[in-house]
Amino acid sequence: MIAQALRSTIRRRPISSLAATTSITAVGYANYIEYNAIAKANDNNDTLSSTIPRSHYDPNAIAHYWEQRPISIAKRILNVAYELGPLAGEYLMEFQIRPWVC
């Protein structure tokens, strides 16, 4: 019964089904990557991959750190967008949209 309902949904909405499956797979894979990075850092007490170097600028170490944490990157981007959203909305209303509306 469930399989039949899934098949009919996929037949009726193939693009939506593909987009949903791809999104779920991408989020799952990102969680897997971040979980492995955290687990490896905790198991090995590997300070190089578990922290960002602060004593000197090492672009390779910084890139490696953030490559292993896609969920943290997404959370930070969403946090910044949440904080800047009201400011951007106010700017659009005051300087961009209002001259056309009034």
N, C-alpha and C. Protein backbone atom coordinates (compact mmCIF):
# COMPACT_ATOMS: atom_id res chain seq x y z
N MET A 1 0.81 -1.19 0.00
CA MET A 1 0.00 0.00 0.00
C MET A 1 0.86 1.26 0.00
N ILE A 2 1.87 1.31 0.86
CA ILE A 2 2.76 2.47 0.90
C ILE A 2 3.58 2.56 -0.38
N ALA A 3 4.05 1.41 -0.86
CA ALA A 3 4.84 1.40 -2.09
C ALA A 3 4.01 1.90 -3.27
N GLN A 4 2.76 1.52 -3.31
CA GLN A 4 1.88 1.97 -4.40
C GLN A 4 1.65 3.48 -4.31
N ALA A 5 1.48 4.00 -3.11
CA ALA A 5 1.30 5.45 -2.94
C ALA A 5 2.57 6.20 -3.36
N LEU A 6 3.72 5.66 -3.01
CA LEU A 6 4.98 6.29 -3.41
C LEU A 6 5.14 6.28 -4.93
N ARG A 7 4.83 5.16 -5.55
CA ARG A 7 4.94 5.09 -7.01
C ARG A 7 4.02 6.09 -7.70
N SER A 8 2.80 6.21 -7.20
CA SER A 8 1.88 7.15 -7.83
C SER A 8 2.33 8.59 -7.62
N THR A 9 2.91 8.90 -6.47
CA THR A 9 3.44 10.24 -6.22
C THR A 9 4.60 10.55 -7.15
N ILE A 10 5.48 9.58 -7.33
CA ILE A 10 6.63 9.78 -8.22
C ILE A 10 6.17 9.95 -9.66
N ARG A 11 5.16 9.20 -10.07
CA ARG A 11 4.65 9.34 -11.44
C ARG A 11 3.99 10.70 -11.66
N ARG A 12 3.24 11.18 -10.65
CA ARG A 12 2.54 12.46 -10.80
C ARG A 12 3.47 13.66 -10.68
N ARG A 13 4.48 13.55 -9.85
CA ARG A 13 5.39 14.68 -9.61
C ARG A 13 6.85 14.22 -9.65
N PRO A 14 7.36 13.90 -10.83
CA PRO A 14 8.72 13.36 -10.89
C PRO A 14 9.79 14.40 -10.51
N ILE A 15 9.61 15.64 -10.91
CA ILE A 15 10.63 16.65 -10.61
C ILE A 15 10.64 16.97 -9.12
N SER A 16 9.47 17.10 -8.52
CA SER A 16 9.39 17.35 -7.08
C SER A 16 9.97 16.18 -6.29
N SER A 17 9.69 14.98 -6.74
CA SER A 17 10.23 13.79 -6.07
C SER A 17 11.74 13.74 -6.17
N LEU A 18 12.26 14.07 -7.34
CA LEU A 18 13.71 14.09 -7.52
C LEU A 18 14.35 15.18 -6.66
N ALA A 19 13.75 16.35 -6.61
CA ALA A 19 14.29 17.45 -5.80
C ALA A 19 14.27 17.09 -4.32
N ALA A 20 13.19 16.49 -3.85
CA ALA A 20 13.10 16.11 -2.44
C ALA A 20 14.12 15.03 -2.11
N THR A 21 14.26 14.04 -2.96
CA THR A 21 15.23 12.98 -2.73
C THR A 21 16.65 13.52 -2.74
N THR A 22 16.95 14.40 -3.67
CA THR A 22 18.29 14.99 -3.74
C THR A 22 18.57 15.83 -2.51
N SER A 23 17.61 16.61 -2.07
CA SER A 23 17.79 17.45 -0.88
C SER A 23 18.03 16.61 0.36
N ILE A 24 17.23 15.59 0.53
CA ILE A 24 17.38 14.72 1.70
C ILE A 24 18.72 14.01 1.67
N THR A 25 19.14 13.56 0.50
CA THR A 25 20.44 12.90 0.37
C THR A 25 21.58 13.86 0.67
N ALA A 26 21.50 15.09 0.18
CA ALA A 26 22.56 16.08 0.42
C ALA A 26 22.67 16.41 1.90
N VAL A 27 21.54 16.60 2.57
CA VAL A 27 21.58 16.90 4.01
C VAL A 27 22.11 15.71 4.79
N GLY A 28 21.70 14.52 4.42
CA GLY A 28 22.22 13.33 5.09
C GLY A 28 23.71 13.16 4.90
N TYR A 29 24.19 13.39 3.70
CA TYR A 29 25.63 13.27 3.44
C TYR A 29 26.41 14.34 4.20
N ALA A 30 25.89 15.56 4.26
CA ALA A 30 26.57 16.63 5.00
C ALA A 30 26.65 16.29 6.48
N ASN A 31 25.56 15.74 7.02
CA ASN A 31 25.59 15.31 8.43
C ASN A 31 26.60 14.20 8.65
N TYR A 32 26.68 13.28 7.71
CA TYR A 32 27.64 12.18 7.82
C TYR A 32 29.08 12.72 7.82
N ILE A 33 29.38 13.65 6.93
CA ILE A 33 30.73 14.22 6.85
C ILE A 33 31.08 14.93 8.16
N GLU A 34 30.16 15.75 8.65
CA GLU A 34 30.44 16.50 9.88
C GLU A 34 30.55 15.56 11.08
N TYR A 35 29.70 14.57 11.15
CA TYR A 35 29.77 13.60 12.25
C TYR A 35 31.12 12.88 12.26
N ASN A 36 31.57 12.46 11.08
CA ASN A 36 32.87 11.78 11.00
C ASN A 36 34.01 12.70 11.41
N ALA A 37 33.95 13.97 11.02
CA ALA A 37 35.02 14.91 11.38
C ALA A 37 35.07 15.10 12.89
N ILE A 38 33.91 15.23 13.51
CA ILE A 38 33.86 15.41 14.96
C ILE A 38 34.31 14.15 15.68
N ALA A 39 33.86 13.00 15.20
CA ALA A 39 34.24 11.73 15.83
C ALA A 39 35.73 11.48 15.70
N LYS A 40 36.30 11.76 14.52
CA LYS A 40 37.73 11.56 14.34
C LYS A 40 38.53 12.50 15.23
N ALA A 41 38.09 13.73 15.36
CA ALA A 41 38.79 14.69 16.22
C ALA A 41 38.73 14.26 17.68
N ASN A 42 37.59 13.72 18.11
CA ASN A 42 37.45 13.28 19.50
C ASN A 42 38.23 12.00 19.77
N ASP A 43 38.24 11.07 18.82
CA ASP A 43 38.93 9.79 19.03
C ASP A 43 40.44 9.94 19.04
N ASN A 44 40.96 10.70 18.11
CA ASN A 44 42.42 10.81 17.96
C ASN A 44 43.01 11.96 18.76
N ASN A 45 42.17 12.76 19.39
CA ASN A 45 42.64 13.99 20.02
C ASN A 45 43.49 14.78 19.05
N ASP A 46 43.03 14.82 17.82
CA ASP A 46 43.74 15.49 16.73
C ASP A 46 43.43 16.98 16.79
N THR A 47 44.34 17.75 17.36
CA THR A 47 44.08 19.17 17.53
C THR A 47 44.19 19.93 16.22
N LEU A 48 44.91 19.39 15.24
CA LEU A 48 45.05 20.11 13.98
C LEU A 48 43.74 20.14 13.19
N SER A 49 43.00 19.05 13.19
CA SER A 49 41.76 19.03 12.42
C SER A 49 40.54 19.39 13.26
N SER A 50 40.68 19.47 14.59
CA SER A 50 39.53 19.78 15.43
C SER A 50 39.42 21.26 15.78
N THR A 51 40.49 22.03 15.54
CA THR A 51 40.44 23.46 15.83
C THR A 51 41.06 24.23 14.67
N ILE A 52 40.65 25.46 14.58
CA ILE A 52 41.25 26.35 13.58
C ILE A 52 42.55 26.88 14.16
N PRO A 53 43.64 26.88 13.39
CA PRO A 53 44.90 27.42 13.92
C PRO A 53 44.77 28.92 14.20
N ARG A 54 45.18 29.33 15.38
CA ARG A 54 45.05 30.73 15.76
C ARG A 54 46.39 31.42 15.94
N SER A 55 47.47 30.68 15.99
CA SER A 55 48.78 31.30 16.20
C SER A 55 49.37 31.85 14.91
N HIS A 56 48.97 31.29 13.78
CA HIS A 56 49.46 31.74 12.48
C HIS A 56 48.39 31.47 11.43
N TYR A 57 48.54 32.13 10.31
CA TYR A 57 47.57 31.98 9.23
C TYR A 57 48.00 30.82 8.35
N ASP A 58 47.19 29.76 8.32
CA ASP A 58 47.45 28.59 7.49
C ASP A 58 46.20 28.32 6.66
N PRO A 59 46.16 28.82 5.42
CA PRO A 59 44.94 28.66 4.62
C PRO A 59 44.56 27.21 4.36
N ASN A 60 45.54 26.33 4.24
CA ASN A 60 45.22 24.92 3.99
C ASN A 60 44.54 24.28 5.19
N ALA A 61 45.03 24.59 6.39
CA ALA A 61 44.42 24.03 7.60
C ALA A 61 43.02 24.59 7.81
N ILE A 62 42.84 25.87 7.52
CA ILE A 62 41.52 26.48 7.66
C ILE A 62 40.55 25.87 6.65
N ALA A 63 41.01 25.70 5.41
CA ALA A 63 40.15 25.10 4.38
C ALA A 63 39.79 23.66 4.76
N HIS A 64 40.77 22.91 5.25
CA HIS A 64 40.51 21.53 5.65
C HIS A 64 39.49 21.48 6.80
N TYR A 65 39.63 22.37 7.76
CA TYR A 65 38.70 22.42 8.89
C TYR A 65 37.27 22.64 8.40
N TRP A 66 37.07 23.63 7.53
CA TRP A 66 35.71 23.96 7.10
C TRP A 66 35.18 22.99 6.06
N GLU A 67 36.01 22.31 5.30
CA GLU A 67 35.54 21.29 4.37
C GLU A 67 34.88 20.13 5.11
N GLN A 68 35.31 19.89 6.33
CA GLN A 68 34.78 18.78 7.12
C GLN A 68 33.53 19.16 7.91
N ARG A 69 33.07 20.41 7.81
CA ARG A 69 31.94 20.88 8.60
C ARG A 69 30.90 21.62 7.77
N PRO A 70 30.24 20.93 6.83
CA PRO A 70 29.25 21.61 5.98
C PRO A 70 28.00 22.06 6.74
N ILE A 71 27.61 21.34 7.76
CA ILE A 71 26.42 21.73 8.53
C ILE A 71 26.71 22.99 9.32
N SER A 72 27.89 23.10 9.89
CA SER A 72 28.26 24.31 10.63
C SER A 72 28.28 25.52 9.71
N ILE A 73 28.74 25.33 8.49
CA ILE A 73 28.75 26.43 7.51
C ILE A 73 27.32 26.86 7.20
N ALA A 74 26.44 25.89 6.96
CA ALA A 74 25.05 26.22 6.64
C ALA A 74 24.37 26.92 7.82
N LYS A 75 24.63 26.45 9.04
CA LYS A 75 24.05 27.10 10.21
C LYS A 75 24.53 28.54 10.34
N ARG A 76 25.81 28.76 10.08
CA ARG A 76 26.35 30.12 10.20
C ARG A 76 25.77 31.03 9.12
N ILE A 77 25.65 30.54 7.91
CA ILE A 77 25.07 31.35 6.83
C ILE A 77 23.62 31.70 7.16
N LEU A 78 22.85 30.74 7.66
CA LEU A 78 21.46 31.01 8.03
C LEU A 78 21.38 31.98 9.20
N ASN A 79 22.31 31.87 10.15
CA ASN A 79 22.33 32.79 11.28
C ASN A 79 22.61 34.22 10.81
N VAL A 80 23.58 34.38 9.94
CA VAL A 80 23.91 35.71 9.42
C VAL A 80 22.73 36.27 8.61
N ALA A 81 22.11 35.43 7.80
CA ALA A 81 20.96 35.88 7.02
C ALA A 81 19.80 36.27 7.93
N TYR A 82 19.60 35.53 9.01
CA TYR A 82 18.54 35.85 9.97
C TYR A 82 18.80 37.19 10.63
N GLU A 83 20.05 37.45 10.98
CA GLU A 83 20.40 38.71 11.63
C GLU A 83 20.34 39.89 10.67
N LEU A 84 20.73 39.68 9.42
CA LEU A 84 20.74 40.77 8.45
C LEU A 84 19.42 40.95 7.72
N GLY A 85 18.51 39.99 7.83
CA GLY A 85 17.24 40.06 7.13
C GLY A 85 16.44 41.33 7.41
N PRO A 86 16.23 41.69 8.67
CA PRO A 86 15.48 42.91 8.94
C PRO A 86 16.16 44.16 8.39
N LEU A 87 17.47 44.21 8.47
CA LEU A 87 18.20 45.36 7.95
C LEU A 87 18.06 45.44 6.43
N ALA A 88 18.20 44.32 5.76
CA ALA A 88 18.05 44.30 4.30
C ALA A 88 16.62 44.65 3.90
N GLY A 89 15.65 44.14 4.64
CA GLY A 89 14.25 44.46 4.35
C GLY A 89 13.96 45.95 4.52
N GLU A 90 14.49 46.52 5.58
CA GLU A 90 14.31 47.96 5.80
C GLU A 90 14.97 48.78 4.70
N TYR A 91 16.15 48.37 4.29
CA TYR A 91 16.84 49.07 3.20
C TYR A 91 16.01 49.01 1.92
N LEU A 92 15.52 47.84 1.59
CA LEU A 92 14.71 47.70 0.38
C LEU A 92 13.44 48.55 0.45
N MET A 93 12.81 48.56 1.60
CA MET A 93 11.58 49.35 1.74
C MET A 93 11.88 50.85 1.65
N GLU A 94 12.92 51.30 2.29
CA GLU A 94 13.20 52.74 2.35
C GLU A 94 13.78 53.29 1.05
N PHE A 95 14.71 52.56 0.46
CA PHE A 95 15.48 53.15 -0.63
C PHE A 95 15.21 52.54 -2.00
N GLN A 96 14.66 51.37 -2.05
CA GLN A 96 14.50 50.71 -3.33
C GLN A 96 13.03 50.59 -3.75
N ILE A 97 12.19 50.12 -2.87
CA ILE A 97 10.81 49.83 -3.24
C ILE A 97 9.90 51.04 -3.06
N ARG A 98 10.09 51.79 -2.00
CA ARG A 98 9.17 52.88 -1.68
C ARG A 98 9.05 53.92 -2.79
N PRO A 99 10.14 54.34 -3.47
CA PRO A 99 9.96 55.32 -4.55
C PRO A 99 9.02 54.83 -5.66
N TRP A 100 8.95 53.54 -5.89
CA TRP A 100 8.07 53.01 -6.93
C TRP A 100 6.64 52.89 -6.43
N VAL A 101 6.48 52.65 -5.12
CA VAL A 101 5.15 52.44 -4.56
C VAL A 101 4.42 53.77 -4.38
N CYS A 102 5.13 54.79 -3.88
CA CYS A 102 4.48 56.07 -3.59
C CYS A 102 4.30 56.93 -4.80
